[in-house]
C-alpha atoms as a PDB file:
ATOM      1  CA  UNK A   1     143.996  57.865  85.534  1.00  0.00           C
ATOM      2  CA  UNK A   2     144.696  54.217  85.048  1.00  0.00           C
ATOM      3  CA  UNK A   3     142.245  51.958  87.014  1.00  0.00           C
ATOM      4  CA  UNK A   4     143.694  48.480  87.482  1.00  0.00           C
ATOM      5  CA  UNK A   5     141.778  45.511  86.165  1.00  0.00           C
ATOM      6  CA  UNK A   6     142.162  43.931  89.601  1.00  0.00           C
ATOM      7  CA  UNK A   7     139.602  46.497  90.825  1.00  0.00           C
ATOM      8  CA  UNK A   8     136.951  45.398  88.324  1.00  0.00           C
ATOM      9  CA  UNK A   9     134.062  45.272  88.510  1.00  0.00           C
ATOM     10  CA  UNK A  10     132.811  46.773  91.782  1.00  0.00           C
ATOM     11  CA  UNK A  11     135.610  49.098  92.827  1.00  0.00           C
ATOM     12  CA  UNK A  12     136.389  50.227  89.295  1.00  0.00           C
ATOM     13  CA  UNK A  13     132.770  51.057  88.393  1.00  0.00           C
ATOM     14  CA  UNK A  14     132.206  52.768  91.711  1.00  0.00           C
ATOM     15  CA  UNK A  15     135.324  54.945  91.311  1.00  0.00           C
ATOM     16  CA  UNK A  16     134.468  55.787  87.718  1.00  0.00           C
ATOM     17  CA  UNK A  17     131.073  57.185  88.904  1.00  0.00           C
ATOM     18  CA  UNK A  18     132.782  59.204  91.567  1.00  0.00           C
ATOM     19  CA  UNK A  19     135.005  60.934  88.903  1.00  0.00           C
ATOM     20  CA  UNK A  20     132.114  62.980  87.576  1.00  0.00           C
ATOM     21  CA  UNK A  21     133.117  66.629  87.179  1.00  0.00           C
ATOM     22  CA  UNK A  22     136.803  65.941  88.040  1.00  0.00           C
ATOM     23  CA  UNK A  23     138.255  66.504  84.559  1.00  0.00           C
ATOM     24  CA  UNK A  24     139.681  63.011  84.564  1.00  0.00           C
ATOM     25  CA  UNK A  25     140.336  60.606  81.715  1.00  0.00           C
ATOM     26  CA  UNK A  26     140.166  56.911  82.550  1.00  0.00           C
ATOM     27  CA  UNK A  27     142.332  54.050  81.153  1.00  0.00           C
ATOM     28  CA  UNK A  28     141.201  50.566  82.217  1.00  0.00           C
ATOM     29  CA  UNK A  29     143.557  47.703  82.818  1.00  0.00           C
ATOM     30  CA  UNK A  30     142.893  44.387  81.046  1.00  0.00           C
ATOM     31  CA  UNK A  31     142.201  42.530  84.266  1.00  0.00           C
ATOM     32  CA  UNK A  32     141.272  38.846  84.218  1.00  0.00           C
ATOM     33  CA  UNK A  33     140.934  38.876  80.440  1.00  0.00           C
ATOM     34  CA  UNK A  34     144.562  39.920  80.031  1.00  0.00           C
ATOM     35  CA  UNK A  35     145.631  37.407  82.646  1.00  0.00           C
ATOM     36  CA  UNK A  36     144.052  34.689  80.541  1.00  0.00           C
ATOM     37  CA  UNK A  37     146.096  35.756  77.563  1.00  0.00           C
ATOM     38  CA  UNK A  38     149.230  35.498  79.756  1.00  0.00           C
ATOM     39  CA  UNK A  39     148.100  32.024  80.858  1.00  0.00           C
ATOM     40  CA  UNK A  40     147.474  30.866  77.282  1.00  0.00           C
ATOM     41  CA  UNK A  41     150.789  32.315  76.186  1.00  0.00           C
ATOM     42  CA  UNK A  42     152.571  30.276  78.809  1.00  0.00           C
ATOM     43  CA  UNK A  43     150.992  27.181  77.323  1.00  0.00           C
ATOM     44  CA  UNK A  44     151.160  27.964  73.633  1.00  0.00           C
ATOM     45  CA  UNK A  45     153.846  30.669  73.255  1.00  0.00           C
ATOM     46  CA  UNK A  46     152.105  33.086  70.905  1.00  0.00           C
ATOM     47  CA  UNK A  47     154.070  35.795  69.112  1.00  0.00           C
ATOM     48  CA  UNK A  48     154.866  38.981  71.154  1.00  0.00           C
ATOM     49  CA  UNK A  49     152.837  41.035  68.648  1.00  0.00           C
ATOM     50  CA  UNK A  50     149.749  38.921  69.107  1.00  0.00           C
ATOM     51  CA  UNK A  51     150.076  38.935  72.848  1.00  0.00           C
ATOM     52  CA  UNK A  52     150.525  42.753  72.890  1.00  0.00           C
ATOM     53  CA  UNK A  53     147.540  43.606  70.720  1.00  0.00           C
ATOM     54  CA  UNK A  54     145.279  40.963  72.198  1.00  0.00           C
ATOM     55  CA  UNK A  55     146.018  42.290  75.733  1.00  0.00           C
ATOM     56  CA  UNK A  56     145.148  45.838  74.496  1.00  0.00           C
ATOM     57  CA  UNK A  57     141.885  44.402  73.106  1.00  0.00           C
ATOM     58  CA  UNK A  58     141.237  43.200  76.714  1.00  0.00           C
ATOM     59  CA  UNK A  59     141.656  46.789  77.941  1.00  0.00           C
ATOM     60  CA  UNK A  60     139.059  47.918  75.377  1.00  0.00           C
ATOM     61  CA  UNK A  61     136.599  45.253  76.624  1.00  0.00           C
ATOM     62  CA  UNK A  62     136.984  46.486  80.243  1.00  0.00           C
ATOM     63  CA  UNK A  63     136.511  50.026  79.091  1.00  0.00           C
ATOM     64  CA  UNK A  64     133.306  49.184  77.314  1.00  0.00           C
ATOM     65  CA  UNK A  65     131.950  47.222  80.295  1.00  0.00           C
ATOM     66  CA  UNK A  66     132.783  50.076  82.683  1.00  0.00           C
ATOM     67  CA  UNK A  67     131.221  52.652  80.397  1.00  0.00           C
ATOM     68  CA  UNK A  68     127.998  50.703  80.269  1.00  0.00           C
ATOM     69  CA  UNK A  69     127.470  51.152  84.038  1.00  0.00           C
ATOM     70  CA  UNK A  70     128.571  54.839  84.333  1.00  0.00           C
ATOM     71  CA  UNK A  71     126.095  57.349  83.085  1.00  0.00           C
ATOM     72  CA  UNK A  72     128.547  60.233  83.569  1.00  0.00           C
ATOM     73  CA  UNK A  73     131.141  58.613  81.339  1.00  0.00           C
ATOM     74  CA  UNK A  74     131.553  58.200  77.544  1.00  0.00           C
ATOM     75  CA  UNK A  75     133.971  56.199  75.430  1.00  0.00           C
ATOM     76  CA  UNK A  76     136.712  58.162  73.691  1.00  0.00           C
ATOM     77  CA  UNK A  77     138.561  56.679  70.694  1.00  0.00           C
ATOM     78  CA  UNK A  78     140.961  59.614  70.121  1.00  0.00           C
ATOM     79  CA  UNK A  79     142.652  62.612  71.865  1.00  0.00           C
ATOM     80  CA  UNK A  80     140.146  64.921  70.171  1.00  0.00           C
ATOM     81  CA  UNK A  81     137.270  62.899  71.574  1.00  0.00           C
ATOM     82  CA  UNK A  82     138.882  62.952  75.041  1.00  0.00           C
ATOM     83  CA  UNK A  83     138.836  66.753  75.013  1.00  0.00           C
ATOM     84  CA  UNK A  84     135.368  66.958  73.453  1.00  0.00           C
ATOM     85  CA  UNK A  85     133.854  64.579  76.034  1.00  0.00           C
ATOM     86  CA  UNK A  86     135.519  66.529  78.862  1.00  0.00           C
ATOM     87  CA  UNK A  87     134.100  69.756  77.437  1.00  0.00           C
ATOM     88  CA  UNK A  88     130.691  68.143  77.629  1.00  0.00           C
ATOM     89  CA  UNK A  89     131.114  67.618  81.391  1.00  0.00           C
ATOM     90  CA  UNK A  90     131.474  63.853  81.082  1.00  0.00           C
ATOM     91  CA  UNK A  91     134.320  61.526  81.987  1.00  0.00           C
ATOM     92  CA  UNK A  92     136.135  60.037  78.934  1.00  0.00           C
ATOM     93  CA  UNK A  93     137.012  56.349  79.206  1.00  0.00           C
ATOM     94  CA  UNK A  94     139.714  55.784  76.692  1.00  0.00           C
ATOM     95  CA  UNK A  95     139.599  53.017  74.047  1.00  0.00           C
ATOM     96  CA  UNK A  96     143.281  52.465  73.483  1.00  0.00           C
ATOM     97  CA  UNK A  97     143.615  50.180  70.499  1.00  0.00           C
ATOM     98  CA  UNK A  98     142.910  52.543  67.687  1.00  0.00           C
ATOM     99  CA  UNK A  99     145.131  55.300  69.190  1.00  0.00           C
ATOM    100  CA  UNK A 100     147.997  52.879  69.820  1.00  0.00           C
ATOM    101  CA  UNK A 101     147.745  51.431  66.313  1.00  0.00           C
ATOM    102  CA  UNK A 102     148.206  54.968  64.861  1.00  0.00           C
ATOM    103  CA  UNK A 103     150.899  56.052  67.309  1.00  0.00           C
ATOM    104  CA  UNK A 104     152.639  52.701  67.746  1.00  0.00           C
ATOM    105  CA  UNK A 105     154.838  54.052  70.631  1.00  0.00           C
ATOM    106  CA  UNK A 106     155.865  50.687  72.198  1.00  0.00           C
ATOM    107  CA  UNK A 107     157.646  47.546  71.306  1.00  0.00           C
ATOM    108  CA  UNK A 108     155.425  44.484  71.670  1.00  0.00           C
ATOM    109  CA  UNK A 109     156.242  43.070  75.142  1.00  0.00           C
ATOM    110  CA  UNK A 110     154.631  41.978  78.394  1.00  0.00           C
ATOM    111  CA  UNK A 111     156.747  44.737  79.970  1.00  0.00           C
ATOM    112  CA  UNK A 112     154.165  47.190  78.562  1.00  0.00           C
ATOM    113  CA  UNK A 113     150.785  47.211  80.231  1.00  0.00           C
ATOM    114  CA  UNK A 114     148.034  49.689  80.880  1.00  0.00           C
ATOM    115  CA  UNK A 115     150.339  51.571  83.276  1.00  0.00           C
ATOM    116  CA  UNK A 116     152.713  52.507  80.477  1.00  0.00           C
ATOM    117  CA  UNK A 117     149.866  53.180  78.095  1.00  0.00           C
ATOM    118  CA  UNK A 118     148.298  55.556  80.629  1.00  0.00           C
ATOM    119  CA  UNK A 119     151.691  57.272  81.091  1.00  0.00           C
ATOM    120  CA  UNK A 120     151.960  57.807  77.408  1.00  0.00           C
ATOM    121  CA  UNK A 121     148.441  59.205  77.206  1.00  0.00           C
ATOM    122  CA  UNK A 122     149.070  61.510  80.210  1.00  0.00           C
ATOM    123  CA  UNK A 123     152.170  62.800  78.437  1.00  0.00           C
ATOM    124  CA  UNK A 124     150.165  63.531  75.244  1.00  0.00           C
ATOM    125  CA  UNK A 125     147.423  65.230  77.241  1.00  0.00           C
ATOM    126  CA  UNK A 126     149.934  67.019  79.548  1.00  0.00           C
ATOM    127  CA  UNK A 127     147.936  65.566  82.472  1.00  0.00           C
ATOM    128  CA  UNK A 128     148.801  64.336  86.030  1.00  0.00           C
ATOM    129  CA  UNK A 129     149.170  60.548  86.102  1.00  0.00           C
ATOM    130  CA  UNK A 130     147.472  58.466  88.737  1.00  0.00           C
ATOM    131  CA  UNK A 131     147.906  54.689  88.813  1.00  0.00           C
ATOM    132  CA  UNK A 132     144.967  53.266  90.784  1.00  0.00           C
ATOM    133  CA  UNK A 133     145.541  49.763  91.997  1.00  0.00           C
ATOM    134  CA  UNK A 134     144.471  47.320  94.698  1.00  0.00           C
ATOM    135  CA  UNK A 135     147.297  48.176  97.143  1.00  0.00           C
ATOM    136  CA  UNK A 136     148.451  51.376  98.832  1.00  0.00           C
ATOM    137  CA  UNK A 137     151.422  51.959  96.520  1.00  0.00           C
ATOM    138  CA  UNK A 138     154.928  50.725  96.101  1.00  0.00           C
ATOM    139  CA  UNK A 139     156.556  48.288  98.556  1.00  0.00           C
ATOM    140  CA  UNK A 140     160.029  46.912  98.885  1.00  0.00           C
ATOM    141  CA  UNK A 141     158.616  43.505  98.004  1.00  0.00           C
ATOM    142  CA  UNK A 142     155.179  41.861  97.789  1.00  0.00           C
ATOM    143  CA  UNK A 143     153.038  43.615 100.441  1.00  0.00           C
ATOM    144  CA  UNK A 144     152.104  40.331 102.150  1.00  0.00           C
ATOM    145  CA  UNK A 145     155.666  39.175 102.429  1.00  0.00           C
ATOM    146  CA  UNK A 146     157.320  39.336 105.868  1.00  0.00           C
ATOM    147  CA  UNK A 147     159.434  42.452 106.178  1.00  0.00           C
ATOM    148  CA  UNK A 148     157.809  44.239 103.283  1.00  0.00           C
ATOM    149  CA  UNK A 149     158.065  48.029 103.726  1.00  0.00           C
ATOM    150  CA  UNK A 150     155.793  50.692 102.218  1.00  0.00           C
ATOM    151  CA  UNK A 151     157.533  53.434 100.238  1.00  0.00           C
ATOM    152  CA  UNK A 152     155.853  56.831 100.117  1.00  0.00           C
ATOM    153  CA  UNK A 153     158.281  58.418  97.613  1.00  0.00           C
ATOM    154  CA  UNK A 154     160.784  56.836  95.256  1.00  0.00           C
ATOM    155  CA  UNK A 155     162.888  58.014  92.357  1.00  0.00           C
ATOM    156  CA  UNK A 156     162.046  56.413  89.030  1.00  0.00           C
ATOM    157  CA  UNK A 157     165.761  55.472  88.633  1.00  0.00           C
ATOM    158  CA  UNK A 158     165.643  53.527  91.875  1.00  0.00           C
ATOM    159  CA  UNK A 159     162.411  51.863  90.882  1.00  0.00           C
ATOM    160  CA  UNK A 160     164.084  50.477  87.786  1.00  0.00           C
ATOM    161  CA  UNK A 161     166.204  48.270  90.142  1.00  0.00           C
ATOM    162  CA  UNK A 162     163.177  46.648  91.690  1.00  0.00           C
ATOM    163  CA  UNK A 163     162.395  43.108  90.282  1.00  0.00           C
ATOM    164  CA  UNK A 164     158.672  43.502  90.669  1.00  0.00           C
ATOM    165  CA  UNK A 165     156.231  46.086  92.006  1.00  0.00           C
ATOM    166  CA  UNK A 166     152.647  47.052  91.636  1.00  0.00           C
ATOM    167  CA  UNK A 167     153.452  48.981  88.401  1.00  0.00           C
ATOM    168  CA  UNK A 168     154.756  47.596  85.147  1.00  0.00           C
ATOM    169  CA  UNK A 169     158.427  47.320  84.196  1.00  0.00           C
ATOM    170  CA  UNK A 170     158.315  50.036  81.557  1.00  0.00           C
ATOM    171  CA  UNK A 171     156.706  52.721  83.613  1.00  0.00           C
ATOM    172  CA  UNK A 172     159.789  54.114  85.397  1.00  0.00           C
ATOM    173  CA  UNK A 173     161.642  54.536  82.105  1.00  0.00           C
ATOM    174  CA  UNK A 174     158.739  56.448  80.584  1.00  0.00           C
ATOM    175  CA  UNK A 175     158.536  58.749  83.608  1.00  0.00           C
ATOM    176  CA  UNK A 176     162.193  59.505  83.168  1.00  0.00           C
ATOM    177  CA  UNK A 177     161.854  59.978  79.423  1.00  0.00           C
ATOM    178  CA  UNK A 178     158.946  62.380  79.828  1.00  0.00           C
ATOM    179  CA  UNK A 179     160.392  64.093  82.934  1.00  0.00           C
ATOM    180  CA  UNK A 180     157.180  63.673  84.841  1.00  0.00           C
ATOM    181  CA  UNK A 181     155.887  62.174  88.173  1.00  0.00           C
ATOM    182  CA  UNK A 182     153.269  59.629  88.948  1.00  0.00           C
ATOM    183  CA  UNK A 183     151.113  58.745  91.944  1.00  0.00           C
ATOM    184  CA  UNK A 184     150.181  55.141  92.932  1.00  0.00           C
ATOM    185  CA  UNK A 185     147.109  54.912  95.138  1.00  0.00           C
ATOM    186  CA  UNK A 186     144.621  52.299  96.471  1.00  0.00           C
ATOM    187  CA  UNK A 187     141.360  52.410  94.504  1.00  0.00           C
ATOM    188  CA  UNK A 188     139.571  50.496  97.227  1.00  0.00           C
ATOM    189  CA  UNK A 189     139.666  53.805  99.059  1.00  0.00           C
ATOM    190  CA  UNK A 190     138.108  56.242  96.508  1.00  0.00           C
ATOM    191  CA  UNK A 191     138.378  59.249  98.820  1.00  0.00           C
ATOM    192  CA  UNK A 192     142.209  58.913  98.497  1.00  0.00           C
ATOM    193  CA  UNK A 193     141.963  58.964  94.689  1.00  0.00           C
ATOM    194  CA  UNK A 194     139.695  61.985  94.735  1.00  0.00           C
ATOM    195  CA  UNK A 195     142.032  63.738  97.094  1.00  0.00           C
ATOM    196  CA  UNK A 196     145.049  63.167  94.886  1.00  0.00           C
ATOM    197  CA  UNK A 197     143.302  64.773  91.922  1.00  0.00           C
ATOM    198  CA  UNK A 198     143.902  68.009  93.801  1.00  0.00           C
ATOM    199  CA  UNK A 199     147.346  69.666  93.832  1.00  0.00           C
ATOM    200  CA  UNK A 200     147.910  69.996  97.570  1.00  0.00           C
ATOM    201  CA  UNK A 201     149.195  66.468  98.188  1.00  0.00           C
ATOM    202  CA  UNK A 202     151.107  67.383 101.362  1.00  0.00           C
ATOM    203  CA  UNK A 203     147.784  67.996 103.063  1.00  0.00           C
ATOM    204  CA  UNK A 204     146.675  64.374 102.861  1.00  0.00           C
ATOM    205  CA  UNK A 205     147.233  61.897 105.743  1.00  0.00           C
ATOM    206  CA  UNK A 206     147.009  58.529 103.935  1.00  0.00           C
ATOM    207  CA  UNK A 207     149.331  56.133 102.159  1.00  0.00           C
ATOM    208  CA  UNK A 208     150.188  56.650  98.515  1.00  0.00           C
ATOM    209  CA  UNK A 209     153.441  56.498  96.616  1.00  0.00           C
ATOM    210  CA  UNK A 210     154.841  59.384  94.542  1.00  0.00           C
ATOM    211  CA  UNK A 211     157.264  58.212  91.804  1.00  0.00           C
ATOM    212  CA  UNK A 212     159.661  61.010  90.844  1.00  0.00           C
ATOM    213  CA  UNK A 213     160.659  61.065  87.196  1.00  0.00           C
ATOM    214  CA  UNK A 214     161.436  64.797  86.706  1.00  0.00           C
END
């Protein structure tokens, strides 16, 4: 489960607490810290490698701050630790930097954010992927724009044609590569997130988007 940095601190911490005993692994977005890196890059034009790894450091910071407030969680620095912490009955909050340094699965680019990193981790763990953000899911354009329409289900190939959505540019390509699906849901409504952890998604009467990559 990727929890967007836009939900930090209150919504993100509250949701992380509610994930106790759900067999979930959390990846935190970089939030305002990563947005500052983007702002500084616009001004100073740092190298793509520096931007990439500094933004991942921002994810680590958010993970550590969240972990500090959630007694039922524990930081995980590797896949083995994710499994070990889950076996202990706790919720692993993943520290991405060390794992990504070892695996090095992505080119350095702003197209890769915590969405894609969570997708890669879900693939390694053979886990369902939930992208938890501050909107209900995918829209035809910015949700506040006139004429914007909510999309409950979309093929990843179609999503590739969208100029901008609530998920990163790389995510649809990864879903197609891994042959897997993804769910985008509003983290301000934690009951929706908890419901989607179950498998019977057709029973739920609320907005979320399913991205089809298989």
